[in-house]
Protein backbone atom coordinates (compact mmCIF):
# COMPACT_ATOMS: atom_id res chain seq x y z
CA MET A 1 219.69 209.66 181.04
CA ASN A 2 215.97 210.44 180.48
CA ALA A 3 214.51 213.47 181.59
CA ALA A 4 211.56 212.70 182.59
CA GLU A 5 212.84 209.72 184.96
CA ASN A 6 215.03 212.42 186.37
CA LEU A 7 211.86 214.35 187.81
CA LEU A 8 210.09 211.38 188.90
CA GLY A 9 213.07 208.63 189.41
CA GLU A 10 213.74 206.90 192.29
CA ASP A 11 216.02 209.63 193.57
CA ALA A 12 213.76 212.24 192.93
CA LEU A 13 210.94 210.04 195.25
CA ALA A 14 213.20 209.33 197.92
CA ARG A 15 213.61 213.03 198.55
CA HIS A 16 209.65 214.29 198.27
CA GLY A 17 207.41 211.07 196.94
CA GLN A 18 204.54 212.14 199.75
CA ARG A 19 204.60 215.47 198.52
CA THR A 20 201.99 217.12 196.62
CA ALA A 21 203.06 217.58 193.25
CA LEU A 22 200.16 218.68 191.62
CA ILE A 23 197.00 220.38 192.67
CA CYS A 24 194.06 220.68 189.90
CA GLY A 25 190.31 221.36 191.42
CA GLU A 26 189.63 218.73 194.20
CA ASP A 27 192.62 216.59 192.59
CA GLN A 28 195.80 216.47 194.50
CA LEU A 29 198.63 214.29 193.22
CA SER A 30 201.58 213.22 195.30
CA TYR A 31 204.94 212.87 193.42
CA ALA A 32 204.35 209.23 193.82
CA ASP A 33 200.66 209.44 192.14
CA LEU A 34 201.96 211.16 189.17
CA ALA A 35 205.20 208.90 188.73
CA ARG A 36 202.70 206.25 188.63
CA GLN A 37 200.67 207.64 185.73
CA VAL A 38 203.53 208.88 184.35
CA ARG A 39 204.94 204.97 183.89
CA ARG A 40 201.40 203.99 182.78
CA ALA A 41 201.25 206.69 180.05
CA ALA A 42 204.78 205.79 179.00
CA GLY A 43 203.54 202.30 178.88
CA VAL A 44 200.34 202.71 176.84
CA MET A 45 202.97 204.76 174.34
CA SER A 46 205.22 201.52 173.84
CA GLY A 47 202.13 199.32 173.28
CA LEU A 48 201.15 201.92 170.42
CA GLY A 49 204.37 201.42 168.75
CA LEU A 50 205.68 204.56 169.54
CA ARG A 51 209.23 204.61 168.23
CA PRO A 52 212.29 206.71 169.48
CA GLY A 53 212.13 210.79 168.42
CA GLU A 54 208.16 210.11 166.99
CA ARG A 55 206.41 212.94 167.78
CA VAL A 56 203.10 212.90 169.59
CA LEU A 57 200.23 215.48 169.56
CA LEU A 58 198.50 216.61 172.48
CA LEU A 59 195.40 218.51 172.56
CA MET A 60 194.23 218.52 176.11
CA ARG A 61 193.64 221.05 178.84
CA ASP A 62 195.90 221.78 181.67
CA THR A 63 195.21 218.88 183.80
CA PRO A 64 197.26 216.13 185.91
CA GLU A 65 196.00 213.70 182.68
CA MET A 66 197.85 215.71 180.42
CA ALA A 67 201.25 216.36 182.50
CA ALA A 68 201.44 212.64 183.28
CA ALA A 69 200.87 211.99 179.40
CA TRP A 70 203.52 214.73 178.24
CA LEU A 71 206.08 213.49 180.85
CA GLY A 72 204.63 209.53 179.91
CA ILE A 73 206.14 210.53 176.08
CA VAL A 74 209.28 211.91 177.05
CA ARG A 75 209.83 208.80 179.24
CA ALA A 76 209.15 206.43 176.69
CA GLY A 77 211.69 208.24 174.08
CA GLY A 78 208.86 209.77 172.20
CA VAL A 79 208.74 213.82 171.22
CA ALA A 80 205.88 215.43 173.26
CA VAL A 81 204.08 218.31 171.30
CA ALA A 82 201.50 220.00 173.00
CA LEU A 83 199.13 222.09 171.15
CA ASN A 84 197.21 225.28 171.54
CA THR A 85 193.84 224.57 172.28
CA LYS A 86 192.65 227.75 170.46
CA LEU A 87 193.97 227.32 167.15
CA SER A 88 192.02 226.83 163.98
CA GLU A 89 191.40 223.40 162.39
CA GLU A 90 193.60 224.45 159.33
CA ASP A 91 196.53 224.93 161.83
CA TYR A 92 195.82 222.12 163.49
CA ARG A 93 196.02 220.16 159.97
CA HIS A 94 199.45 222.18 159.44
CA ILE A 95 201.05 220.87 162.55
CA HIS A 96 199.98 217.15 162.32
CA ALA A 97 201.63 217.48 158.80
CA ASP A 98 204.75 219.51 159.52
CA SER A 99 205.68 217.28 162.71
CA ALA A 100 204.57 213.97 160.50
CA ALA A 101 202.89 212.61 163.89
CA ARG A 102 201.02 209.51 163.80
CA ILE A 103 199.74 209.40 167.37
CA THR A 104 197.54 212.26 168.39
CA LEU A 105 195.94 212.22 171.95
CA ILE A 106 192.79 214.17 172.08
CA GLU A 107 190.68 215.12 175.60
CA ASP A 108 186.96 214.10 174.84
CA VAL A 109 185.98 217.74 175.06
CA PHE A 110 188.02 218.53 172.03
CA ALA A 111 187.16 215.29 170.18
CA THR A 112 183.26 216.14 170.64
CA ALA A 113 183.66 219.51 169.43
CA ARG A 114 185.83 218.93 165.99
CA PRO A 115 184.43 215.50 164.88
CA ASP A 116 186.16 216.12 161.27
CA LEU A 117 189.39 216.41 162.88
CA THR A 118 189.17 213.69 165.03
CA ARG A 119 188.20 211.04 162.38
CA GLU A 120 191.00 212.74 160.32
CA PHE A 121 193.38 212.36 162.96
CA ALA A 122 191.83 208.66 163.53
CA ALA A 123 192.85 207.63 160.10
CA HIS A 124 196.30 207.64 160.79
CA GLY A 125 196.00 204.85 163.28
CA GLY A 126 197.22 206.31 166.59
CA LEU A 127 194.49 208.38 167.94
CA ALA A 128 193.59 208.03 171.59
CA VAL A 129 190.83 210.11 173.37
CA ALA A 130 190.64 210.47 176.90
CA GLY A 131 187.03 209.85 177.38
CA ARG A 132 184.64 207.69 175.21
CA VAL A 133 183.68 209.48 171.78
CA GLY A 134 180.76 208.11 170.10
CA GLY A 135 181.72 206.71 166.35
CA ALA A 136 185.55 207.54 166.91
CA GLN A 137 188.26 205.15 165.90
CA ALA A 138 190.23 205.43 168.82
CA ILE A 139 191.62 204.36 171.61
CA ASP A 140 189.95 205.09 174.94
CA TRP A 141 193.18 206.67 176.60
CA ARG A 142 191.42 206.45 180.44
CA ALA A 143 190.54 202.76 180.02
CA THR A 144 193.78 201.82 178.57
CA LEU A 145 195.66 204.12 180.66
CA ALA A 146 194.10 202.52 183.89
CA ALA A 147 194.97 199.02 182.87
CA ALA A 148 198.49 199.61 182.01
CA ARG A 149 201.40 198.11 183.62
CA GLU A 150 204.04 200.28 185.64
CA ASP A 151 207.08 198.38 184.75
CA THR A 152 207.80 199.31 181.14
CA PRO A 153 211.57 200.25 180.85
CA VAL A 154 212.29 203.71 180.94
CA PHE A 155 214.03 204.91 177.58
CA ASP A 156 217.82 205.47 177.85
CA ALA A 157 217.79 208.57 176.10
CA ARG A 158 221.06 210.93 175.00
CA ALA A 159 221.04 214.40 176.25
CA GLU A 160 220.88 215.48 172.60
CA ASP A 161 217.87 213.45 171.83
CA PRO A 162 214.48 215.42 170.97
CA ALA A 163 212.06 215.29 173.82
CA PHE A 164 209.83 217.73 172.90
CA TRP A 165 208.45 220.50 170.23
CA LEU A 166 207.25 223.95 170.66
CA TYR A 167 205.29 225.66 168.46
CA SER A 168 205.46 229.26 168.05
CA SER A 169 202.24 231.17 169.01
CA GLY A 170 202.07 232.87 165.23
CA THR A 171 202.21 236.34 166.09
CA THR A 172 203.38 236.89 162.11
CA GLY A 173 201.61 233.69 160.32
CA ARG A 174 201.71 230.08 160.64
CA PRO A 175 203.33 228.27 163.64
CA LYS A 176 206.88 227.07 163.34
CA GLY A 177 208.05 223.68 165.49
CA ILE A 178 211.04 224.40 167.90
CA ILE A 179 212.67 221.01 168.62
CA HIS A 180 213.86 221.03 172.47
CA THR A 181 216.15 218.33 173.70
CA GLN A 182 216.14 215.85 176.97
CA ALA A 183 218.98 218.02 178.03
CA ASN A 184 216.86 221.21 177.71
CA LEU A 185 214.46 220.00 179.64
CA MET A 186 216.67 219.30 182.46
CA CYS A 187 217.18 222.94 182.62
CA ALA A 188 213.67 223.58 183.82
CA GLY A 189 213.59 225.92 187.01
CA MET A 190 216.66 227.74 186.49
CA GLY A 191 215.16 231.39 187.67
CA GLN A 192 212.83 229.53 190.20
CA ARG A 193 216.13 228.34 192.16
CA GLU A 194 218.38 231.10 191.39
CA VAL A 195 216.52 234.16 191.50
CA LEU A 196 213.55 233.26 193.30
CA ALA A 197 215.28 230.45 195.77
CA LEU A 198 211.96 228.47 195.37
CA GLY A 199 211.96 225.01 197.13
CA PRO A 200 209.65 222.13 198.12
CA ASP A 201 207.38 224.53 200.41
CA ASP A 202 206.63 226.38 197.72
CA ARG A 203 203.19 226.51 195.49
CA VAL A 204 203.65 227.85 192.08
CA LEU A 205 200.72 229.04 189.92
CA ALA A 206 200.82 230.47 186.18
CA THR A 207 197.70 231.74 184.65
CA SER A 208 199.16 230.89 180.77
CA LYS A 209 198.56 227.64 179.51
CA LEU A 210 201.21 224.74 179.20
CA PHE A 211 202.01 224.72 175.61
CA PHE A 212 203.37 228.04 175.81
CA SER A 213 206.82 227.70 176.83
CA TYR A 214 206.85 230.01 179.52
CA ALA A 215 204.19 228.16 181.49
CA LEU A 216 205.64 225.11 180.66
CA GLU A 217 208.69 225.79 182.44
CA HIS A 218 207.23 227.82 185.36
CA GLY A 219 203.77 225.99 185.68
CA LEU A 220 204.92 222.52 185.63
CA LEU A 221 208.29 221.58 184.95
CA GLY A 222 210.32 223.76 186.86
CA PRO A 223 207.97 223.21 190.10
CA LEU A 224 208.74 219.58 189.64
CA SER A 225 212.52 219.80 189.41
CA ILE A 226 212.56 221.53 192.70
CA GLY A 227 209.86 219.63 194.62
CA ALA A 228 207.40 222.30 194.68
CA THR A 229 203.82 222.01 193.92
CA ALA A 230 202.24 223.46 190.66
CA VAL A 231 198.72 224.67 190.82
CA LEU A 232 196.87 223.74 187.65
CA HIS A 233 194.20 225.62 186.19
CA PRO A 234 192.43 223.45 183.10
CA ASP A 235 190.49 226.26 181.44
CA TRP A 236 191.52 229.35 179.82
CA ALA A 237 192.14 232.33 183.19
CA GLU A 238 189.51 234.40 183.93
CA ALA A 239 190.49 236.95 186.49
CA GLU A 240 187.86 236.27 189.32
CA ALA A 241 188.58 232.58 188.84
CA ILE A 242 192.56 233.07 189.06
CA CYS A 243 191.90 235.31 192.11
CA ALA A 244 189.79 232.52 193.95
CA LEU A 245 192.82 229.97 193.38
CA VAL A 246 195.42 232.36 194.82
CA GLU A 247 192.71 232.92 197.93
CA ARG A 248 192.26 229.34 198.42
CA TRP A 249 195.95 227.74 197.62
CA ARG A 250 198.10 230.48 198.61
CA PRO A 251 201.05 230.45 195.95
CA SER A 252 204.38 231.44 196.69
CA ALA A 253 204.95 232.49 193.10
CA PHE A 254 202.75 233.75 190.64
CA TYR A 255 203.55 233.62 186.59
CA SER A 256 200.91 235.88 183.79
CA VAL A 257 201.44 238.10 181.24
CA PRO A 258 201.27 242.14 181.41
CA SER A 259 197.53 242.05 179.73
CA PHE A 260 196.43 239.64 182.53
CA TYR A 261 198.07 241.58 185.50
CA ARG A 262 195.69 244.54 183.99
CA ARG A 263 192.63 242.58 183.98
CA LEU A 264 193.30 241.58 187.53
CA LEU A 265 193.65 245.39 188.67
CA ASP A 266 190.05 245.68 187.55
CA VAL A 267 188.85 242.87 190.21
CA PRO A 268 187.15 244.72 193.06
CA PRO A 269 189.60 244.78 195.80
CA ARG A 270 187.72 242.37 198.20
CA GLU A 271 187.64 239.74 195.55
CA ARG A 272 191.21 240.16 194.91
CA ALA A 273 192.68 241.00 198.59
CA ALA A 274 194.73 237.60 198.69
CA LEU A 275 196.73 238.69 196.23
CA ALA A 276 198.68 240.68 198.22
CA GLU A 277 199.94 237.68 200.27
CA VAL A 278 201.73 236.13 197.09
CA ARG A 279 205.46 236.74 197.76
CA PHE A 280 206.35 236.74 193.99
CA TYR A 281 204.96 237.89 190.82
CA VAL A 282 206.42 237.32 187.50
CA SER A 283 205.75 238.72 184.19
CA ALA A 284 206.73 237.83 180.39
CA GLY A 285 205.42 237.44 177.14
CA GLU A 286 205.93 240.92 176.19
CA ARG A 287 206.89 244.64 177.64
CA LEU A 288 205.47 245.45 180.78
CA PRO A 289 204.10 248.69 181.07
CA VAL A 290 205.45 250.90 184.08
CA SER A 291 202.02 252.45 184.67
CA VAL A 292 200.51 248.50 185.14
CA ASN A 293 203.52 247.82 187.69
CA ASP A 294 203.15 250.99 189.51
CA ALA A 295 199.41 250.37 189.50
CA TRP A 296 200.15 246.70 191.00
CA GLN A 297 202.51 247.97 193.57
CA ARG A 298 199.65 250.53 194.64
CA ALA A 299 197.09 247.50 194.65
CA THR A 300 198.94 244.59 196.36
CA GLY A 301 202.31 246.37 197.71
CA ARG A 302 204.07 243.74 195.41
CA GLU A 303 206.38 244.48 192.49
CA ILE A 304 206.30 242.56 189.39
CA LEU A 305 209.21 240.97 188.41
CA GLY A 306 210.70 241.25 184.87
CA LEU A 307 211.34 237.84 183.05
CA TYR A 308 212.46 236.78 179.38
CA GLY A 309 212.83 234.07 177.30
CA MET A 310 211.83 232.62 174.00
CA SER A 311 210.61 229.34 173.08
CA GLU A 312 213.75 229.01 171.16
CA THR A 313 215.36 229.01 174.89
CA PHE A 314 212.57 227.43 176.62
CA CYS A 315 213.98 228.36 179.95
CA VAL A 316 214.31 231.70 181.16
CA ALA A 317 217.33 233.85 179.83
CA MET A 318 216.90 236.78 182.21
CA MET A 319 215.31 238.10 185.07
CA THR A 320 214.84 240.97 187.22
CA PRO A 321 215.54 240.10 190.72
CA PRO A 322 213.43 240.88 193.98
CA GLY A 323 214.16 244.84 194.80
CA SER A 324 215.53 245.74 191.65
CA VAL A 325 212.95 246.43 189.48
CA ARG A 326 213.20 249.75 188.15
CA GLY A 327 211.40 251.27 185.40
CA PRO A 328 211.72 249.33 182.09
CA ARG A 329 214.04 247.11 183.31
CA THR A 330 213.65 243.51 181.90
CA GLY A 331 216.63 241.96 184.10
CA LYS A 332 220.08 240.62 184.18
CA PRO A 333 221.06 237.12 182.43
CA LEU A 334 221.12 234.28 184.74
CA SER A 335 224.20 231.75 185.82
CA GLY A 336 225.28 230.12 182.56
CA VAL A 337 223.54 232.36 179.96
CA GLU A 338 225.79 234.70 177.86
CA ALA A 339 224.22 237.87 176.20
CA GLN A 340 225.61 239.99 173.44
CA LEU A 341 224.19 243.06 171.90
CA ARG A 342 225.20 243.37 168.25
CA ASP A 343 224.68 246.33 165.57
CA GLU A 344 223.53 245.64 162.04
CA SER A 345 227.16 244.86 160.86
CA GLY A 346 226.96 242.14 163.69
CA GLY A 347 229.40 244.14 166.25
CA GLU A 348 229.01 244.29 169.79
CA VAL A 349 227.22 247.56 171.13
CA GLY A 350 228.18 249.39 174.80
CA ALA A 351 226.07 250.09 177.44
CA GLY A 352 223.19 252.54 176.44
CA LYS A 353 223.21 251.37 172.81
CA PRO A 354 220.27 249.76 171.39
CA GLY A 355 221.52 246.61 169.60
CA VAL A 356 219.87 243.13 168.87
CA LEU A 357 219.87 240.30 171.73
CA TRP A 358 221.76 237.20 170.97
CA LEU A 359 222.12 234.32 173.56
CA ARG A 360 224.20 231.44 174.20
CA HIS A 361 221.97 229.34 176.70
CA PRO A 362 221.99 225.86 177.95
CA SER A 363 218.85 224.85 177.02
CA ILE A 364 219.09 226.54 173.12
CA ALA A 365 216.92 224.55 170.81
CA LEU A 366 218.53 222.28 168.27
CA GLY A 367 216.49 224.69 165.44
CA TYR A 368 213.44 224.79 163.47
CA ALA A 369 211.65 221.81 162.18
CA ASN A 370 211.76 221.65 158.41
CA ARG A 371 212.97 224.90 158.41
CA PRO A 372 216.59 224.74 157.46
CA GLU A 373 216.93 228.18 156.12
CA ALA A 374 215.55 229.78 159.49
CA THR A 375 217.70 227.63 161.37
CA ARG A 376 220.84 228.99 159.99
CA GLU A 377 219.96 232.22 160.05
CA GLN A 378 219.32 232.48 163.83
CA PHE A 379 221.08 229.69 165.09
CA VAL A 380 224.85 230.68 164.39
CA ASP A 381 227.71 229.27 165.95
CA GLY A 382 225.88 228.03 169.20
CA TRP A 383 224.27 231.68 169.74
CA PHE A 384 220.54 232.55 168.58
CA CYS A 385 219.40 235.61 167.42
CA THR A 386 216.10 236.60 169.27
CA ARG A 387 215.64 239.56 167.03
CA ASP A 388 214.49 241.57 170.06
CA VAL A 389 216.44 244.85 170.56
CA PHE A 390 217.55 245.74 174.27
CA VAL A 391 219.67 248.21 175.89
CA ARG A 392 222.04 247.53 178.85
CA ASP A 393 222.45 249.72 181.54
CA ALA A 394 225.85 250.77 183.36
CA ASP A 395 224.46 248.05 186.24
CA GLY A 396 224.39 245.37 183.42
CA PHE A 397 220.43 245.03 183.48
CA TYR A 398 218.77 244.88 180.00
CA ALA A 399 215.59 246.67 178.78
CA HIS A 400 213.59 245.13 176.32
CA GLN A 401 212.91 247.69 173.44
CA GLY A 402 210.77 245.98 171.08
CA ARG A 403 211.31 243.69 167.79
CA SER A 404 213.80 244.58 165.53
CA ASP A 405 211.26 244.38 162.47
CA ASP A 406 208.92 246.56 164.84
CA PHE A 407 211.43 249.45 164.49
CA ILE A 408 210.45 251.53 161.72
CA LYS A 409 211.97 254.83 159.98
CA VAL A 410 210.05 257.70 160.07
CA ALA A 411 211.09 261.11 158.74
CA GLY A 412 214.45 259.44 158.77
CA GLN A 413 214.61 258.49 162.32
CA TRP A 414 213.68 255.30 164.20
CA VAL A 415 210.75 254.96 166.02
CA GLN A 416 209.77 251.94 168.45
CA PRO A 417 206.10 251.51 168.65
CA GLY A 418 206.07 250.52 172.07
CA ASP A 419 207.20 253.90 173.37
CA VAL A 420 204.24 255.45 171.56
CA GLU A 421 202.40 252.78 173.58
CA GLU A 422 203.92 253.57 176.77
CA ILE A 423 202.95 257.56 176.68
CA VAL A 424 199.09 256.76 176.38
CA LEU A 425 198.75 254.02 178.49
CA GLY A 426 198.64 256.06 181.37
CA ALA A 427 195.48 257.87 180.42
CA PRO A 428 192.55 256.36 182.97
CA GLU A 429 190.48 256.50 179.69
CA ILE A 430 192.40 253.76 177.92
CA VAL A 431 192.86 250.00 178.99
CA GLU A 432 195.13 248.80 176.44
CA ALA A 433 197.04 250.59 173.09
CA ALA A 434 198.82 249.02 170.12
CA CYS A 435 200.86 251.22 167.64
CA VAL A 436 201.59 249.45 164.39
CA PRO A 437 203.45 251.12 160.92
CA VAL A 438 201.12 251.66 158.06
CA THR A 439 202.42 252.54 154.52
CA ASP A 440 200.56 255.67 153.35
CA GLU A 441 199.17 256.73 150.03
CA ALA A 442 202.67 258.03 148.75
CA GLY A 443 204.65 254.65 150.17
CA PHE A 444 205.89 255.84 153.16
CA GLU A 445 205.61 254.62 156.64
CA ARG A 446 203.72 256.11 159.03
CA LEU A 447 202.18 255.07 162.72
CA ALA A 448 198.51 254.12 163.58
CA LEU A 449 197.81 253.83 167.18
CA PHE A 450 194.69 251.80 168.47
CA VAL A 451 193.32 252.37 171.97
CA VAL A 452 190.88 249.91 174.04
CA PRO A 453 188.24 252.70 175.75
CA ALA A 454 188.07 252.35 179.23
CA THR A 455 184.28 253.95 178.61
CA ALA A 456 183.93 255.84 175.60
CA ALA A 457 185.70 255.60 172.31
CA GLU A 458 185.85 259.52 172.09
CA ALA A 459 186.90 259.98 175.34
CA ALA A 460 189.83 257.45 174.85
CA LEU A 461 190.83 258.76 171.39
CA ALA A 462 191.01 262.34 172.91
CA ALA A 463 193.20 261.46 175.61
CA ALA A 464 195.56 259.51 173.26
CA GLN A 465 195.41 262.69 171.06
CA SER A 466 196.54 264.88 173.65
CA ALA A 467 198.94 262.60 175.27
CA CYS A 468 200.66 262.56 172.07
CA GLU A 469 200.69 265.97 171.23
CA ALA A 470 202.09 266.58 174.73
CA GLN A 471 204.88 264.01 175.16
CA LEU A 472 206.21 263.22 171.66
CA PRO A 473 208.18 264.77 169.12
CA ARG A 474 206.41 265.27 165.68
CA PHE A 475 207.88 262.45 164.24
CA LYS A 476 206.65 260.09 166.50
CA ARG A 477 203.10 261.00 166.62
CA PRO A 478 200.34 258.27 165.11
CA ARG A 479 199.14 259.82 161.89
CA TRP A 480 195.92 257.35 162.30
CA LEU A 481 194.02 256.96 165.68
CA ARG A 482 191.42 254.27 166.20
CA ALA A 483 189.33 252.79 168.92
CA VAL A 484 188.62 249.17 169.17
CA PRO A 485 187.17 246.64 171.39
CA GLU A 486 190.21 244.71 172.32
CA ILE A 487 193.98 243.93 170.85
CA PRO A 488 194.18 240.79 169.03
CA ARG A 489 196.21 238.78 170.70
CA THR A 490 197.77 235.22 170.38
CA ALA A 491 196.65 232.48 172.81
CA THR A 492 199.56 233.23 175.04
CA GLY A 493 199.15 237.14 175.26
CA LYS A 494 201.11 238.64 172.69
CA MET A 495 199.94 241.39 170.46
CA GLN A 496 199.35 240.48 167.11
CA ARG A 497 200.33 243.60 165.37
CA PHE A 498 200.15 242.49 161.92
CA LYS A 499 195.99 241.90 162.32
CA LEU A 500 195.64 245.46 163.35
CA ARG A 501 197.94 246.58 160.40
CA GLU A 502 195.76 244.69 157.96
CA MET A 503 192.48 246.01 159.38
CA LEU A 504 193.58 249.53 158.84
CA GLU A 505 194.68 248.76 155.12
CA ARG A 506 191.50 247.63 154.47
CA GLU A 507 189.60 250.62 155.76
CA LEU A 508 191.82 253.03 153.72
CA GLY A 509 191.94 250.81 150.84
CA ALA A 510 188.08 250.72 151.02
CA ARG A 511 187.86 254.45 150.89
CA GLY A 512 189.93 254.43 147.69
C-alpha cells in the first residue's frame, strides 16, 4: 500500500481524474494534473537518493507546488515534514537536527530571506530550492521537476511505515516531532465523510496552514480522499482576503480557529455577506467561546460546529453534528474512535464529572521522535493520553474544560482559567482574554487575567473587573488584571499562556 497512490492512483483518477483537485489564486489543477506533479516529485526525490523512511523538510507556502512535493515524498517512501514558516532560525536548526533530515525543500522567498540557514542546509548536500536563488548551492526544484520522468515506481509501503511527521506548535516550549504512518494518512477525511457527508461536488477552505494537522487533514488530504476540491491560500490568512476567497469560490465547508472567527466578525457586513452561503463552519484548536458562536449565528445564520483532534491523532476524534450545537459542547467521538475520561488514579469517571481524556484512534501516532520517555507516558497499550480535561453529558457529548496542567488550586479549590475568560468575553469592551496562573510573593498560585481592549484599555479593565466581581466567587477572581495589545499565539492559533505568565513575573520581579 502507499497512501499517496491511494489518493491519486489509477482507481482514484478513474473516478474523478478530470475534476478540480486544487484551486490556488488563478491556478486550478485537476486530479490528473496533480497526480502527474506528484509522480514527478517522487522521481526527483528518488534521484536525490531518498531512502525509505528518510525525513524531508519542506519550508514552503500552501500552494499546489507544496502539496505535490509533500505527496511525492510519501509516494517515494520518504517522510514528509512540513515546517511552520514563522519559526525562529533556532527552531529550524533544532528540527533539522532532531529529524536528521538530509534533504530540504525551500521555497525561494524563504531561501532569500534566510541566506545563512539556506547555506547551512545546502552543506548537507540535499537542498532543493523552488526557484533560483543566487549563490545557493542547491538544486533548482522547479527546473528539475519540469524535466523529471513520471514513471518512477511507487514505493510499496507497509501500513506501519512512517509517512509524515508533525511538529507540535510549541505552546509550552521546543517543538517535538510526532510520527505518523501510511495507515494514519489513509484515515484523512473521517469527519468530512461521516459528519458532513461531503463529496466530489464540494469545495473546502481552511484558514490554518498545512503544517498544522487540522488544516493538513481538512484543507488538503481529506478533500482529496473524497474527490472534493481544496481551496488553498498561500499566505497567512487575513480576514478581508478570506472573505474575498469565500465570495469567489463559495466553499461548502469552512475550517478555522476561534480567534479567526472573531476577526471575521470585525469585517464590515457587506464584505462578509458571502459567509452566509457556506453550509458548514467548523472550529478547532482551542475552546470556542459561546459568545463568539452566538455572534456568528446572528451575523451569518450559521452555527459553528466543534471539532477536536490533536497532532498525535492527526485526524479528528470528535465533532458536533449539524443541529446539535449546545453551549460549550465539543462533540461526540467518530466511528472507530474510543474515548475514556479518567481520574488521577486512572479509573473511569461517569457523566457530569471531569476527567482526563484518553483516546484509542485509528490514526494514532507511533509516538514522539527521539523522546522515549514522553512516548511511554502518553502512548499506553494503544491509548493516547491527551492531557485535556473533558466532561461528558448524559447525551454522550463531550465538553472541553482545558488542559490538565492549566488547572490550578486556589484557596484549596480547582479553577480552570477558561471559565474566567468566558465570563469577561461577553463584554463589548473586550476583544480577547487569557487567564494564567502566577505564583505570588508568598509562593501561592493566583490568577492573572490579560485582556485585549476593543478601544480603551481603562474601559476594558473596568469591564473585566465588573464581570469578575458580579459573576465569579471570590477564589476565582484574578489577583492581577492587565491590558495587552494582543494575546501571544502559536502559528496554529493556540494561546501561549506561558509568555503572559513570564511577562507578569518579569514585571513583579522588577518591582522587587
